[in-house]
N, C-alpha and C. Protein backbone atom coordinates (compact mmCIF):
# COMPACT_ATOMS: atom_id res chain seq x y z
N MET A 1 107.78 97.46 112.61
CA MET A 1 106.70 97.52 111.67
C MET A 1 105.81 96.30 111.86
N VAL A 2 104.51 96.49 111.82
CA VAL A 2 103.55 95.41 112.00
C VAL A 2 102.81 95.21 110.68
N ALA A 3 102.80 93.98 110.20
CA ALA A 3 102.08 93.68 108.96
C ALA A 3 100.58 93.68 109.21
N MET A 4 99.84 94.29 108.34
CA MET A 4 98.38 94.32 108.47
C MET A 4 97.82 93.05 107.83
N PRO A 5 96.72 92.52 108.37
CA PRO A 5 96.17 91.26 107.85
C PRO A 5 95.60 91.37 106.45
N ILE A 6 95.06 92.53 106.08
CA ILE A 6 94.44 92.70 104.77
C ILE A 6 94.77 94.09 104.25
N VAL A 7 95.05 94.17 102.96
CA VAL A 7 95.30 95.46 102.33
C VAL A 7 94.14 95.75 101.40
N ARG A 8 93.63 96.96 101.45
CA ARG A 8 92.50 97.32 100.59
C ARG A 8 92.87 98.50 99.71
N LEU A 9 92.06 98.75 98.72
CA LEU A 9 92.31 99.86 97.81
C LEU A 9 92.17 101.19 98.53
N VAL A 10 92.79 102.20 97.97
CA VAL A 10 92.74 103.55 98.54
C VAL A 10 91.32 104.10 98.40
N LEU A 11 90.79 104.64 99.49
CA LEU A 11 89.49 105.31 99.45
C LEU A 11 89.73 106.80 99.49
N LYS A 12 89.06 107.55 98.63
CA LYS A 12 89.27 108.99 98.55
C LYS A 12 89.03 109.68 99.90
N ILE A 13 88.04 109.23 100.65
CA ILE A 13 87.74 109.85 101.95
C ILE A 13 88.90 109.67 102.92
N ASN A 14 89.59 108.51 102.85
CA ASN A 14 90.75 108.28 103.72
C ASN A 14 91.88 109.22 103.36
N VAL A 15 92.10 109.42 102.07
CA VAL A 15 93.16 110.33 101.63
C VAL A 15 92.85 111.75 102.10
N MET A 16 91.60 112.16 102.00
CA MET A 16 91.20 113.49 102.44
C MET A 16 91.43 113.67 103.94
N LYS A 17 91.09 112.64 104.73
CA LYS A 17 91.30 112.70 106.19
C LYS A 17 92.79 112.80 106.51
N MET A 18 93.60 112.03 105.78
CA MET A 18 95.04 112.06 106.02
C MET A 18 95.63 113.41 105.63
N GLU A 19 95.15 113.98 104.55
CA GLU A 19 95.63 115.31 104.15
C GLU A 19 95.35 116.33 105.23
N GLN A 20 94.16 116.25 105.82
CA GLN A 20 93.81 117.17 106.90
C GLN A 20 94.68 116.93 108.14
N ALA A 21 94.92 115.67 108.47
CA ALA A 21 95.70 115.34 109.66
C ALA A 21 97.15 115.80 109.53
N PHE A 22 97.70 115.78 108.30
CA PHE A 22 99.09 116.13 108.09
C PHE A 22 99.27 117.54 107.52
N GLN A 23 98.22 118.32 107.56
CA GLN A 23 98.28 119.67 107.02
C GLN A 23 99.38 120.50 107.69
N MET A 24 99.61 120.26 108.96
CA MET A 24 100.63 121.00 109.70
C MET A 24 101.94 120.21 109.77
N GLY A 25 102.05 119.14 109.00
CA GLY A 25 103.28 118.33 108.99
C GLY A 25 103.18 117.16 109.96
N TYR A 26 104.23 116.38 110.00
CA TYR A 26 104.27 115.23 110.91
C TYR A 26 104.36 115.69 112.34
N ARG A 27 103.68 114.98 113.21
CA ARG A 27 103.69 115.33 114.63
C ARG A 27 104.73 114.49 115.36
N GLU A 28 105.39 115.08 116.31
CA GLU A 28 106.40 114.38 117.09
C GLU A 28 105.76 113.18 117.79
N GLY A 29 106.44 112.05 117.72
CA GLY A 29 105.94 110.83 118.36
C GLY A 29 104.93 110.06 117.52
N GLU A 30 104.55 110.58 116.39
CA GLU A 30 103.58 109.89 115.51
C GLU A 30 104.29 108.72 114.85
N ASN A 31 103.70 107.55 114.92
CA ASN A 31 104.34 106.37 114.35
C ASN A 31 103.46 105.66 113.32
N THR A 32 102.54 106.36 112.73
CA THR A 32 101.63 105.76 111.76
C THR A 32 101.93 106.31 110.37
N PHE A 33 101.93 105.43 109.39
CA PHE A 33 102.05 105.88 108.01
C PHE A 33 101.15 105.01 107.14
N TYR A 34 100.85 105.48 105.97
CA TYR A 34 99.91 104.84 105.06
C TYR A 34 100.69 104.29 103.87
N VAL A 35 100.45 103.05 103.52
CA VAL A 35 101.12 102.41 102.40
C VAL A 35 100.06 102.05 101.36
N SER A 36 100.36 102.36 100.10
CA SER A 36 99.41 102.11 99.03
C SER A 36 100.12 101.53 97.81
N PRO A 37 99.47 100.62 97.07
CA PRO A 37 100.06 100.14 95.82
C PRO A 37 99.90 101.14 94.67
N GLN A 38 99.16 102.22 94.89
CA GLN A 38 99.00 103.27 93.87
C GLN A 38 99.75 104.52 94.31
N ASN A 39 100.29 105.25 93.34
CA ASN A 39 100.94 106.52 93.66
C ASN A 39 99.89 107.61 93.80
N TRP A 40 100.31 108.85 93.98
CA TRP A 40 99.37 109.96 94.19
C TRP A 40 98.49 110.23 92.98
N GLN A 41 98.88 109.69 91.82
CA GLN A 41 98.06 109.83 90.61
C GLN A 41 97.12 108.64 90.42
N GLY A 42 97.15 107.70 91.35
CA GLY A 42 96.30 106.52 91.25
C GLY A 42 96.84 105.44 90.32
N LYS A 43 98.12 105.55 89.95
CA LYS A 43 98.73 104.59 89.03
C LYS A 43 99.56 103.56 89.81
N THR A 44 99.55 102.34 89.30
CA THR A 44 100.33 101.25 89.89
C THR A 44 101.61 101.07 89.10
N LYS A 45 102.73 100.92 89.82
CA LYS A 45 104.01 100.65 89.17
C LYS A 45 104.48 99.27 89.61
N PHE A 46 105.18 98.60 88.73
CA PHE A 46 105.61 97.24 89.01
C PHE A 46 107.11 97.18 89.29
N THR A 47 107.50 96.32 90.22
CA THR A 47 108.89 96.24 90.65
C THR A 47 109.82 95.79 89.54
N THR A 48 109.33 95.02 88.60
CA THR A 48 110.19 94.52 87.53
C THR A 48 110.78 95.66 86.70
N ASN A 49 110.09 96.80 86.66
CA ASN A 49 110.56 97.94 85.89
C ASN A 49 111.51 98.83 86.68
N PHE A 50 111.56 98.70 88.01
CA PHE A 50 112.28 99.65 88.84
C PHE A 50 113.37 99.06 89.72
N VAL A 51 113.17 97.86 90.20
CA VAL A 51 114.06 97.32 91.23
C VAL A 51 115.29 96.66 90.61
N LYS A 52 116.45 97.20 90.95
CA LYS A 52 117.73 96.63 90.58
C LYS A 52 118.53 96.50 91.87
N PHE A 53 118.72 95.27 92.33
CA PHE A 53 119.38 95.05 93.61
C PHE A 53 120.89 95.11 93.48
N LYS A 54 121.50 95.94 94.30
CA LYS A 54 122.96 96.00 94.37
C LYS A 54 123.46 95.09 95.48
N SER A 55 122.55 94.66 96.34
CA SER A 55 122.91 93.84 97.49
C SER A 55 122.13 92.53 97.43
N SER A 56 122.84 91.42 97.60
CA SER A 56 122.17 90.12 97.62
C SER A 56 121.27 90.00 98.84
N PHE A 57 121.60 90.72 99.93
CA PHE A 57 120.78 90.72 101.14
C PHE A 57 119.37 91.22 100.83
N TRP A 58 119.26 92.38 100.16
CA TRP A 58 117.95 92.95 99.86
C TRP A 58 117.22 92.17 98.78
N LYS A 59 117.95 91.58 97.87
CA LYS A 59 117.32 90.73 96.85
C LYS A 59 116.64 89.54 97.52
N LEU A 60 117.34 88.92 98.47
CA LEU A 60 116.78 87.78 99.20
C LEU A 60 115.56 88.20 100.02
N LYS A 61 115.64 89.36 100.68
CA LYS A 61 114.50 89.87 101.46
C LYS A 61 113.29 90.10 100.55
N SER A 62 113.53 90.68 99.38
CA SER A 62 112.43 90.95 98.45
C SER A 62 111.81 89.65 97.94
N GLU A 63 112.63 88.68 97.62
CA GLU A 63 112.11 87.38 97.15
C GLU A 63 111.28 86.70 98.24
N LYS A 64 111.74 86.80 99.48
CA LYS A 64 111.00 86.21 100.60
C LYS A 64 109.65 86.92 100.78
N PHE A 65 109.65 88.25 100.66
CA PHE A 65 108.41 89.01 100.78
C PHE A 65 107.44 88.66 99.66
N GLU A 66 107.94 88.56 98.43
CA GLU A 66 107.10 88.19 97.29
C GLU A 66 106.50 86.80 97.49
N ALA A 67 107.29 85.87 98.01
CA ALA A 67 106.80 84.51 98.28
C ALA A 67 105.69 84.54 99.32
N PHE A 68 105.86 85.37 100.35
CA PHE A 68 104.83 85.53 101.38
C PHE A 68 103.54 86.06 100.77
N LEU A 69 103.64 87.08 99.90
CA LEU A 69 102.45 87.64 99.26
C LEU A 69 101.73 86.59 98.43
N LYS A 70 102.47 85.77 97.71
CA LYS A 70 101.87 84.75 96.84
C LYS A 70 101.10 83.70 97.63
N THR A 71 101.53 83.44 98.87
CA THR A 71 100.87 82.39 99.66
C THR A 71 99.61 82.88 100.36
N ASN A 72 99.38 84.18 100.38
CA ASN A 72 98.23 84.74 101.09
C ASN A 72 97.20 85.22 100.08
N VAL A 73 96.03 84.61 100.10
CA VAL A 73 94.99 84.93 99.12
C VAL A 73 94.58 86.40 99.18
N ASN A 74 94.65 87.03 100.34
CA ASN A 74 94.27 88.43 100.48
C ASN A 74 95.36 89.39 99.99
N LEU A 75 96.58 88.91 99.88
CA LEU A 75 97.70 89.78 99.50
C LEU A 75 98.30 89.46 98.14
N SER A 76 97.92 88.34 97.55
CA SER A 76 98.56 87.90 96.30
C SER A 76 98.41 88.90 95.16
N SER A 77 97.38 89.73 95.19
CA SER A 77 97.21 90.73 94.13
C SER A 77 98.27 91.82 94.20
N LEU A 78 99.04 91.87 95.29
CA LEU A 78 100.08 92.88 95.46
C LEU A 78 101.45 92.42 94.97
N CYS A 79 101.56 91.19 94.50
CA CYS A 79 102.83 90.65 94.03
C CYS A 79 103.39 91.52 92.90
N GLY A 80 104.67 91.83 93.01
CA GLY A 80 105.35 92.57 91.97
C GLY A 80 105.04 94.05 91.88
N LYS A 81 104.30 94.58 92.85
CA LYS A 81 103.91 95.98 92.81
C LYS A 81 104.78 96.81 93.74
N MET A 82 105.03 98.06 93.35
CA MET A 82 105.73 99.02 94.20
C MET A 82 104.75 99.50 95.27
N PHE A 83 105.25 99.79 96.46
CA PHE A 83 104.44 100.36 97.52
C PHE A 83 104.84 101.81 97.72
N HIS A 84 103.86 102.66 97.88
CA HIS A 84 104.08 104.09 98.08
C HIS A 84 103.68 104.46 99.50
N VAL A 85 104.54 105.20 100.18
CA VAL A 85 104.28 105.61 101.56
C VAL A 85 103.87 107.06 101.57
């Protein structure tokens, strides 16, 4: 997985293009997916309401990721938010 330098809000035209591209389902060998802080209804959910770690490994990974988001001015608005694929 490659981290993108900047995350932007969902544009309706992009969603429409993706719907058309995936109308026949995922294509073999396709390695691209779209990540959004909003769900299909356009609502944002926060990790504090959903994330319960059963593993200290994943808790540490999440804390490290949150720290990374906080240090980047372009990504700090994503802190504590669920990502939808």
